[in-house]
Amino acid sequence: MSDLASSYTTVDPAAAAVAEIERLLPQLIAWRRDLHAHPEVAHREMRTTTFLRETLTAAGVEVTALPGTGLIADLGAADPTRRVALRADLDALPVPERSGLPFGSTVDGVCHACGHDVHTTVVLGVALALKTIEPTLIDRGLAIRCIFQPAEEVMPGGAHEVLDAGAMDNVDRALAVHCDPSIDVGTVGLTVGPITAACDQVEVTLTGPGGHTSRPHLSADLTFALGKVLTEVPAVLSRRLDPRSGVALVWGQVAAGNAANVIPATGRVVGTLRMLDADEWKRVDGLVAQVVQEVVAPYKVAAQVAHIRGVPPVVNDAAAIAALASAASATEGERSVVPTRQSLGGEDFSWLLQTTPGALARLGTRAPGGPTYELHQGDLVIDETAIGVGTRVLAVAALSEV
């Protein structure tokens, strides 16, 4: 424990935590850069998990491994009156880095294009800072559970592994931050209610006899039918679901054929189905497959539909948002809290909020006056000042329970 943190422990745990975070900040930035240089995709976050386990264990924090990758870190009261969970996601994306940063990805075709390296560093920083005031947490009956979750970027995601491990049992509130390159560093985007959308993955595979492009009437024009799936299925869904739900089926992968004069025997499209409304999301199960079959029926091809249920919307609890807003105002200034709108992005933190109230905050990462980057792109650059902001806000919000 630093002398500065020790001097605050008995009177002001929030001030002590913030002082410790300031002391740790150069190390946190260095750790984030190391994580950024060594990204790992979903379910393969072995190096990241080892780093977290060794760092937390060295600080005296109790850790429990999740199956495969990821871990849980617990500190504070063993039999608490309140337990707060803080979630970080570990995985990177299969996207080549184009940022030009000196600590850019050393792994071909993989990079932290969504800021999960920042999320991991922030929650690690909170755990280390709060460990220095653990006696105060114990005295006041507060437990902090830091969840380092694997596989947020795939469906189904690692949140299910967290739930299956019982990590959300007896948790009273769950908090998380997510990088937002559309708002300036030093600001935190907050809203009560839905902040993300429901998101599923849809894969359609068509098969037919194949043939010569001069004789489509003697085979089945699979490529034409695939084009109908691409255009007609999103259109039909927009008429079969409540338009207020903001339904959007957008294709990301298309594959069919390898010769200009050959009708292929198979074709495939893969995309995501997103919507703003949780109730409509529950009703859509089965509808996608039905619509695909109706669309391709005239073309004498067979359709196989895989509709992988992904995540419901993240719905922010009002009390959790109040705690985050108070923490941001106290540590970053009253103008740091900015409104944010619901997006069509999916986030499997939503599964952790199905039985536990909590909130997701958007962490501003844009350098003031700098360019606005897009998430999931290899050129993403994050202003590292955001690491201190996120760590302070999460730590103080968690301590609002004491």
Protein backbone atom coordinates (compact mmCIF):
# COMPACT_ATOMS: atom_id res chain seq x y z
CA MET A 1 0.00 0.00 0.00
CA SER A 2 1.35 3.42 -0.90
CA ASP A 3 1.80 5.96 1.92
CA LEU A 4 -0.69 8.27 0.18
CA ALA A 5 -3.34 5.56 -0.01
CA SER A 6 -2.71 4.55 3.60
CA SER A 7 -3.30 8.07 4.84
CA TYR A 8 -6.80 8.07 3.36
CA THR A 9 -7.97 4.56 4.09
CA THR A 10 -9.79 5.16 7.35
CA VAL A 11 -11.55 8.35 6.29
CA ASP A 12 -12.16 8.38 2.57
CA PRO A 13 -11.86 5.13 0.61
CA ALA A 14 -12.71 6.83 -2.69
CA ALA A 15 -9.92 9.38 -2.29
CA ALA A 16 -7.50 6.62 -1.32
CA ALA A 17 -8.45 4.57 -4.38
CA VAL A 18 -8.06 7.54 -6.70
CA ALA A 19 -4.64 8.33 -5.21
CA GLU A 20 -3.54 4.74 -5.80
CA ILE A 21 -4.86 4.81 -9.38
CA GLU A 22 -2.77 7.91 -10.08
CA ARG A 23 0.30 6.11 -8.77
CA LEU A 24 -0.47 3.07 -10.92
CA LEU A 25 -1.33 4.96 -14.10
CA PRO A 26 2.07 4.80 -15.87
CA GLN A 27 2.15 1.05 -15.24
CA LEU A 28 -1.45 0.65 -16.43
CA ILE A 29 -0.61 2.41 -19.69
CA ALA A 30 2.42 0.18 -20.17
CA TRP A 31 0.32 -2.92 -19.52
CA ARG A 32 -2.34 -1.75 -21.97
CA ARG A 33 0.30 -1.30 -24.66
CA ASP A 34 1.60 -4.80 -24.04
CA LEU A 35 -1.93 -6.22 -24.30
CA HIS A 36 -2.48 -4.22 -27.47
CA ALA A 37 0.68 -5.64 -29.02
CA HIS A 38 -0.34 -9.22 -28.22
CA PRO A 39 -4.05 -9.56 -29.12
CA GLU A 40 -5.83 -12.90 -28.88
CA VAL A 41 -9.14 -13.85 -30.46
CA ALA A 42 -12.12 -15.37 -28.66
CA HIS A 43 -11.47 -18.45 -26.50
CA ARG A 44 -7.71 -18.19 -27.15
CA GLU A 45 -6.87 -15.47 -24.62
CA MET A 46 -4.21 -17.64 -22.96
CA ARG A 47 -1.42 -15.07 -22.68
CA THR A 48 -3.85 -12.40 -21.47
CA THR A 49 -5.30 -14.72 -18.83
CA THR A 50 -1.83 -15.72 -17.61
CA PHE A 51 -0.79 -12.07 -17.34
CA LEU A 52 -3.88 -11.20 -15.32
CA ARG A 53 -3.54 -14.18 -13.01
CA GLU A 54 0.12 -13.48 -12.29
CA THR A 55 -0.38 -9.74 -11.80
CA LEU A 56 -3.39 -10.09 -9.52
CA THR A 57 -1.91 -12.96 -7.52
CA ALA A 58 1.29 -10.98 -6.96
CA ALA A 59 -0.85 -8.21 -5.46
CA GLY A 60 -2.56 -10.66 -3.12
CA VAL A 61 -5.89 -10.72 -4.97
CA GLU A 62 -7.80 -14.02 -4.89
CA VAL A 63 -8.42 -15.36 -8.40
CA THR A 64 -10.55 -18.18 -9.77
CA ALA A 65 -10.09 -19.52 -13.28
CA LEU A 66 -12.97 -19.72 -15.69
CA PRO A 67 -13.17 -22.81 -17.92
CA GLY A 68 -10.76 -22.33 -20.80
CA THR A 69 -9.73 -18.68 -20.58
CA GLY A 70 -10.63 -15.73 -18.40
CA LEU A 71 -10.86 -15.47 -14.64
CA ILE A 72 -12.68 -14.00 -11.65
CA ALA A 73 -10.92 -11.82 -9.06
CA ASP A 74 -12.53 -11.31 -5.65
CA LEU A 75 -11.63 -8.86 -2.92
CA GLY A 76 -13.34 -7.33 0.07
CA ALA A 77 -15.73 -8.96 2.52
CA ALA A 78 -16.06 -12.74 2.43
CA ASP A 79 -19.68 -12.54 3.59
CA PRO A 80 -20.71 -9.14 2.23
CA THR A 81 -23.86 -7.14 2.64
CA ARG A 82 -23.31 -5.86 -0.93
CA ARG A 83 -21.32 -7.26 -3.86
CA VAL A 84 -20.49 -5.26 -6.98
CA ALA A 85 -19.26 -6.95 -10.17
CA LEU A 86 -17.06 -5.17 -12.69
CA ARG A 87 -16.82 -6.79 -16.13
CA ALA A 88 -13.99 -6.56 -18.67
CA ASP A 89 -13.78 -8.43 -21.98
CA LEU A 90 -10.47 -9.91 -23.15
CA ASP A 91 -10.71 -10.89 -26.80
CA ALA A 92 -9.50 -9.11 -29.92
CA LEU A 93 -10.87 -9.24 -33.45
CA PRO A 94 -9.60 -11.03 -36.59
CA VAL A 95 -8.86 -7.64 -38.17
CA PRO A 96 -5.41 -6.48 -39.42
CA GLU A 97 -4.01 -3.48 -37.55
CA ARG A 98 -3.55 -0.28 -39.58
CA SER A 99 -3.00 2.23 -36.77
CA GLY A 100 0.73 2.71 -37.24
CA LEU A 101 1.21 2.75 -33.46
CA PRO A 102 4.68 1.79 -32.19
CA PHE A 103 3.02 -0.82 -29.95
CA GLY A 104 0.76 -2.12 -32.73
CA SER A 105 -0.31 -5.73 -33.00
CA THR A 106 2.45 -8.29 -33.45
CA VAL A 107 -0.10 -10.92 -34.52
CA ASP A 108 -0.90 -11.02 -38.23
CA GLY A 109 -4.55 -10.37 -38.98
CA VAL A 110 -5.56 -9.76 -35.34
CA CYS A 111 -5.87 -6.53 -33.37
CA HIS A 112 -7.74 -4.86 -30.53
CA ALA A 113 -10.10 -2.97 -32.83
CA CYS A 114 -12.82 -2.62 -30.18
CA GLY A 115 -10.83 -1.40 -27.17
CA HIS A 116 -10.99 -4.55 -25.08
CA ASP A 117 -7.35 -4.02 -24.13
CA VAL A 118 -8.48 -0.78 -22.49
CA HIS A 119 -11.44 -2.45 -20.74
CA THR A 120 -9.14 -5.14 -19.34
CA THR A 121 -6.60 -2.59 -18.12
CA VAL A 122 -9.29 -0.46 -16.49
CA VAL A 123 -10.77 -3.31 -14.45
CA LEU A 124 -7.30 -4.58 -13.56
CA GLY A 125 -6.45 -1.09 -12.30
CA VAL A 126 -9.60 -1.00 -10.19
CA ALA A 127 -8.78 -4.38 -8.63
CA LEU A 128 -5.23 -3.33 -7.76
CA ALA A 129 -6.29 0.04 -6.36
CA LEU A 130 -9.11 -1.38 -4.25
CA LYS A 131 -6.82 -4.12 -2.92
CA THR A 132 -4.84 -1.39 -1.16
CA ILE A 133 -7.94 -0.39 0.83
CA GLU A 134 -9.34 -3.89 1.30
CA PRO A 135 -9.57 -3.60 5.11
CA THR A 136 -12.01 -0.73 4.65
CA LEU A 137 -14.10 -2.80 2.23
CA ILE A 138 -14.20 -5.66 4.72
CA ASP A 139 -15.14 -3.37 7.60
CA ARG A 140 -18.00 -1.93 5.57
CA GLY A 141 -19.28 -5.24 4.23
CA LEU A 142 -18.49 -4.61 0.55
CA ALA A 143 -17.16 -7.19 -1.89
CA ILE A 144 -15.84 -6.41 -5.36
CA ARG A 145 -15.83 -9.10 -8.04
CA CYS A 146 -13.80 -8.36 -11.17
CA ILE A 147 -14.86 -10.54 -14.08
CA PHE A 148 -12.33 -10.89 -16.90
CA GLN A 149 -14.53 -12.49 -19.53
CA PRO A 150 -13.37 -14.25 -22.68
CA ALA A 151 -15.05 -14.26 -26.08
CA GLU A 152 -17.27 -11.20 -26.16
CA GLU A 153 -16.93 -10.87 -29.93
CA VAL A 154 -18.50 -14.20 -30.90
CA MET A 155 -21.95 -15.75 -30.63
CA PRO A 156 -22.73 -17.28 -28.26
CA GLY A 157 -20.30 -15.25 -26.20
CA GLY A 158 -18.29 -15.81 -23.06
CA ALA A 159 -20.94 -14.26 -20.82
CA HIS A 160 -22.63 -17.66 -20.73
CA GLU A 161 -19.44 -19.20 -19.32
CA VAL A 162 -19.42 -16.50 -16.63
CA LEU A 163 -23.01 -17.29 -15.70
CA ASP A 164 -22.45 -21.04 -15.77
CA ALA A 165 -19.52 -20.59 -13.38
CA GLY A 166 -21.83 -18.85 -10.90
CA ALA A 167 -19.90 -15.58 -11.10
CA MET A 168 -23.10 -13.53 -10.95
CA ASP A 169 -24.55 -15.36 -7.96
CA ASN A 170 -25.21 -13.01 -5.05
CA VAL A 171 -24.12 -9.96 -7.07
CA ASP A 172 -26.14 -6.82 -6.29
CA ARG A 173 -24.88 -4.58 -9.10
CA ALA A 174 -22.80 -5.03 -12.27
CA LEU A 175 -20.88 -2.25 -14.01
CA ALA A 176 -18.80 -2.02 -17.17
CA VAL A 177 -17.33 0.52 -19.57
CA HIS A 178 -16.99 0.38 -23.33
CA CYS A 179 -14.71 2.54 -25.44
CA ASP A 180 -16.52 5.13 -27.55
CA PRO A 181 -14.32 6.86 -30.16
CA SER A 182 -17.18 9.22 -31.10
CA ILE A 183 -16.94 11.24 -27.86
CA ASP A 184 -13.98 13.09 -26.38
CA VAL A 185 -11.67 11.59 -23.81
CA GLY A 186 -12.61 12.81 -20.36
CA THR A 187 -16.31 12.31 -21.01
CA VAL A 188 -18.55 9.41 -20.06
CA GLY A 189 -21.71 8.69 -22.05
CA LEU A 190 -24.64 7.60 -19.87
CA THR A 191 -28.30 6.82 -20.39
CA VAL A 192 -31.01 5.08 -18.39
CA GLY A 193 -32.71 2.21 -20.21
CA PRO A 194 -31.54 0.43 -23.37
CA ILE A 195 -28.07 1.47 -24.55
CA THR A 196 -27.29 -1.36 -27.02
CA ALA A 197 -29.37 -3.55 -29.30
CA ALA A 198 -30.25 -7.20 -29.52
CA CYS A 199 -27.96 -8.96 -31.96
CA ASP A 200 -28.05 -12.42 -33.58
CA GLN A 201 -26.02 -14.11 -36.29
CA VAL A 202 -27.79 -15.45 -39.38
CA GLU A 203 -26.23 -17.91 -41.83
CA VAL A 204 -28.07 -19.12 -44.94
CA THR A 205 -26.69 -21.91 -47.10
CA LEU A 206 -28.36 -22.72 -50.43
CA THR A 207 -27.78 -25.93 -52.37
CA GLY A 208 -28.90 -27.06 -55.81
CA PRO A 209 -27.87 -29.26 -58.74
CA GLY A 210 -25.64 -26.63 -60.37
CA GLY A 211 -25.29 -26.35 -64.12
CA HIS A 212 -24.32 -24.24 -67.12
CA THR A 213 -25.25 -20.55 -67.13
CA SER A 214 -26.71 -21.03 -70.63
CA ARG A 215 -29.35 -23.41 -69.26
CA PRO A 216 -30.63 -22.12 -65.90
CA HIS A 217 -34.06 -23.59 -66.66
CA LEU A 218 -32.57 -27.10 -66.61
CA SER A 219 -30.94 -26.73 -63.20
CA ALA A 220 -31.65 -24.16 -60.52
CA ASP A 221 -30.24 -20.63 -60.64
CA LEU A 222 -28.73 -20.74 -57.19
CA THR A 223 -26.84 -17.47 -57.52
CA PHE A 224 -30.01 -15.62 -58.45
CA ALA A 225 -31.78 -17.19 -55.48
CA LEU A 226 -28.90 -16.15 -53.25
CA GLY A 227 -29.34 -12.59 -54.49
CA LYS A 228 -32.99 -12.77 -53.51
CA VAL A 229 -31.98 -13.85 -50.01
CA LEU A 230 -29.60 -10.91 -49.83
CA THR A 231 -32.24 -8.36 -50.78
CA GLU A 232 -35.66 -9.82 -50.03
CA VAL A 233 -35.17 -11.34 -46.59
CA PRO A 234 -34.19 -8.02 -44.95
CA ALA A 235 -37.09 -6.33 -46.77
CA VAL A 236 -39.66 -8.91 -45.65
CA LEU A 237 -38.45 -8.81 -42.04
CA SER A 238 -38.86 -5.04 -42.01
CA ARG A 239 -42.55 -5.62 -42.85
CA ARG A 240 -43.12 -8.56 -40.52
CA LEU A 241 -41.64 -6.92 -37.41
CA ASP A 242 -42.67 -3.72 -35.66
CA PRO A 243 -40.77 -0.90 -37.45
CA ARG A 244 -40.27 0.81 -34.10
CA SER A 245 -37.93 -2.05 -33.15
CA GLY A 246 -35.35 -0.75 -35.66
CA VAL A 247 -34.76 -4.19 -37.17
CA ALA A 248 -31.69 -4.39 -39.43
CA LEU A 249 -30.44 -7.55 -41.14
CA VAL A 250 -27.08 -6.70 -42.72
CA TRP A 251 -24.94 -9.24 -44.55
CA GLY A 252 -21.19 -9.34 -43.97
CA GLN A 253 -20.15 -12.42 -45.97
CA VAL A 254 -21.26 -13.70 -49.39
CA ALA A 255 -19.78 -16.68 -51.23
CA ALA A 256 -20.93 -18.55 -54.34
CA GLY A 257 -19.23 -20.01 -57.37
CA ASN A 258 -15.80 -19.65 -58.96
CA ALA A 259 -16.46 -19.47 -62.69
CA ALA A 260 -18.43 -17.03 -64.84
CA ASN A 261 -20.24 -19.70 -66.88
CA VAL A 262 -21.07 -22.16 -64.09
CA ILE A 263 -24.13 -22.04 -61.86
CA PRO A 264 -22.71 -23.17 -58.52
CA ALA A 265 -24.17 -26.00 -56.48
CA THR A 266 -23.84 -24.13 -53.20
CA GLY A 267 -23.82 -20.57 -51.90
CA ARG A 268 -23.69 -18.95 -48.49
CA VAL A 269 -24.45 -15.61 -46.85
CA VAL A 270 -23.74 -14.65 -43.24
CA GLY A 271 -24.78 -11.51 -41.41
CA THR A 272 -26.17 -10.02 -38.25
CA LEU A 273 -29.76 -9.34 -37.27
CA ARG A 274 -30.10 -6.39 -34.89
CA MET A 275 -33.03 -4.65 -33.25
CA LEU A 276 -33.64 -2.18 -30.47
CA ASP A 277 -36.56 -3.88 -28.76
CA ALA A 278 -36.06 -6.87 -26.43
CA ASP A 279 -39.64 -8.09 -26.72
CA GLU A 280 -39.52 -8.09 -30.52
CA TRP A 281 -36.19 -9.92 -30.34
CA LYS A 282 -37.85 -12.71 -28.38
CA ARG A 283 -40.57 -13.02 -31.02
CA VAL A 284 -38.23 -13.20 -34.01
CA ASP A 285 -37.00 -16.70 -33.21
CA GLY A 286 -38.14 -18.99 -36.06
CA LEU A 287 -39.33 -16.14 -38.27
CA VAL A 288 -36.03 -15.73 -40.14
CA ALA A 289 -35.96 -19.35 -41.27
CA GLN A 290 -39.59 -19.14 -42.34
CA VAL A 291 -38.97 -16.03 -44.45
CA VAL A 292 -35.89 -17.54 -46.11
CA GLN A 293 -37.83 -20.63 -47.15
CA GLU A 294 -40.64 -18.49 -48.56
CA VAL A 295 -38.20 -16.33 -50.56
CA VAL A 296 -36.28 -19.21 -52.19
CA ALA A 297 -39.26 -21.51 -52.80
CA PRO A 298 -39.79 -20.44 -56.47
CA TYR A 299 -36.18 -21.21 -57.41
CA LYS A 300 -36.04 -24.95 -56.60
CA VAL A 301 -33.05 -24.71 -54.28
CA ALA A 302 -32.75 -26.07 -50.76
CA ALA A 303 -32.09 -23.65 -47.92
CA GLN A 304 -30.48 -24.36 -44.58
CA VAL A 305 -30.77 -21.53 -42.03
CA ALA A 306 -28.69 -21.18 -38.88
CA HIS A 307 -30.12 -18.45 -36.66
CA ILE A 308 -27.72 -18.15 -33.73
CA ARG A 309 -29.28 -16.27 -30.86
CA GLY A 310 -26.75 -13.71 -29.68
CA VAL A 311 -27.55 -11.08 -27.08
CA PRO A 312 -30.52 -9.06 -25.84
CA PRO A 313 -30.13 -5.29 -25.39
CA VAL A 314 -28.14 -3.91 -22.46
CA VAL A 315 -30.71 -2.11 -20.31
CA ASN A 316 -29.14 0.33 -17.85
CA ASP A 317 -30.57 0.50 -14.35
CA ALA A 318 -31.35 4.03 -13.09
CA ALA A 319 -29.61 3.58 -9.73
CA ALA A 320 -26.47 2.18 -11.36
CA ILE A 321 -26.41 5.09 -13.81
CA ALA A 322 -26.75 7.51 -10.90
CA ALA A 323 -23.72 5.90 -9.23
CA LEU A 324 -21.66 6.18 -12.43
CA ALA A 325 -22.75 9.77 -13.00
CA SER A 326 -21.83 10.74 -9.44
CA ALA A 327 -18.45 9.02 -9.75
CA ALA A 328 -17.68 10.70 -13.08
CA SER A 329 -18.67 14.13 -11.77
CA ALA A 330 -16.59 13.66 -8.64
CA THR A 331 -13.44 12.46 -10.40
CA GLU A 332 -13.59 14.07 -13.85
CA GLY A 333 -15.76 17.14 -13.29
CA GLU A 334 -19.44 17.93 -13.70
CA ARG A 335 -19.14 18.41 -17.47
CA SER A 336 -17.74 14.92 -17.94
CA VAL A 337 -21.16 13.27 -18.04
CA VAL A 338 -22.76 13.43 -21.48
CA PRO A 339 -25.94 11.86 -22.82
CA THR A 340 -25.68 8.92 -25.21
CA ARG A 341 -28.18 7.23 -27.49
CA GLN A 342 -29.03 3.58 -27.90
CA SER A 343 -26.98 1.98 -30.64
CA LEU A 344 -27.49 -1.10 -32.80
CA GLY A 345 -24.25 -2.56 -31.49
CA GLY A 346 -24.56 -5.81 -29.56
CA GLU A 347 -22.88 -6.46 -26.19
CA ASP A 348 -23.07 -9.69 -24.21
CA PHE A 349 -22.75 -7.82 -20.91
CA SER A 350 -26.52 -7.81 -21.40
CA TRP A 351 -26.70 -11.45 -20.29
CA LEU A 352 -25.14 -10.52 -16.94
CA LEU A 353 -27.88 -7.94 -16.44
CA GLN A 354 -30.73 -10.39 -16.98
CA THR A 355 -30.97 -11.10 -13.24
CA THR A 356 -28.71 -8.40 -11.77
CA PRO A 357 -29.25 -4.63 -12.15
CA GLY A 358 -26.35 -2.67 -13.53
CA ALA A 359 -25.13 -0.38 -16.27
CA LEU A 360 -22.73 0.02 -19.17
CA ALA A 361 -21.02 3.39 -19.60
CA ARG A 362 -19.50 4.69 -22.81
CA LEU A 363 -15.91 5.75 -22.21
CA GLY A 364 -14.82 8.64 -24.42
CA THR A 365 -11.56 7.85 -26.26
CA ARG A 366 -11.35 10.57 -28.94
CA ALA A 367 -8.50 13.05 -28.60
CA PRO A 368 -10.06 16.56 -28.44
CA GLY A 369 -9.96 17.98 -31.94
CA GLY A 370 -8.74 14.67 -33.31
CA PRO A 371 -10.35 12.31 -35.82
CA THR A 372 -13.38 10.19 -35.02
CA TYR A 373 -12.52 6.54 -35.47
CA GLU A 374 -14.88 3.63 -35.97
CA LEU A 375 -14.94 0.55 -33.77
CA HIS A 376 -14.05 -2.79 -35.39
CA GLN A 377 -11.65 -1.09 -37.79
CA GLY A 378 -7.91 -1.68 -37.83
CA ASP A 379 -7.03 2.02 -37.71
CA LEU A 380 -8.63 2.60 -34.29
CA VAL A 381 -6.49 4.84 -32.08
CA ILE A 382 -7.47 5.49 -28.47
CA ASP A 383 -6.37 8.44 -26.37
CA GLU A 384 -4.79 6.67 -23.42
CA THR A 385 -6.00 9.34 -21.02
CA ALA A 386 -9.20 7.29 -21.11
CA ILE A 387 -7.51 4.56 -19.04
CA GLY A 388 -7.29 6.80 -16.00
CA VAL A 389 -10.82 8.10 -16.54
CA GLY A 390 -12.36 4.65 -16.77
CA THR A 391 -10.42 3.29 -13.81
CA ARG A 392 -11.33 6.20 -11.53
CA VAL A 393 -15.00 6.18 -12.52
CA LEU A 394 -15.46 2.43 -12.04
CA ALA A 395 -13.57 2.39 -8.75
CA VAL A 396 -15.50 5.28 -7.22
CA ALA A 397 -18.84 3.99 -8.56
CA ALA A 398 -18.15 0.61 -6.95
CA LEU A 399 -17.25 2.30 -3.68
CA SER A 400 -20.54 4.20 -3.66
CA GLU A 401 -21.97 1.04 -2.09
CA VAL A 402 -20.06 1.57 1.18
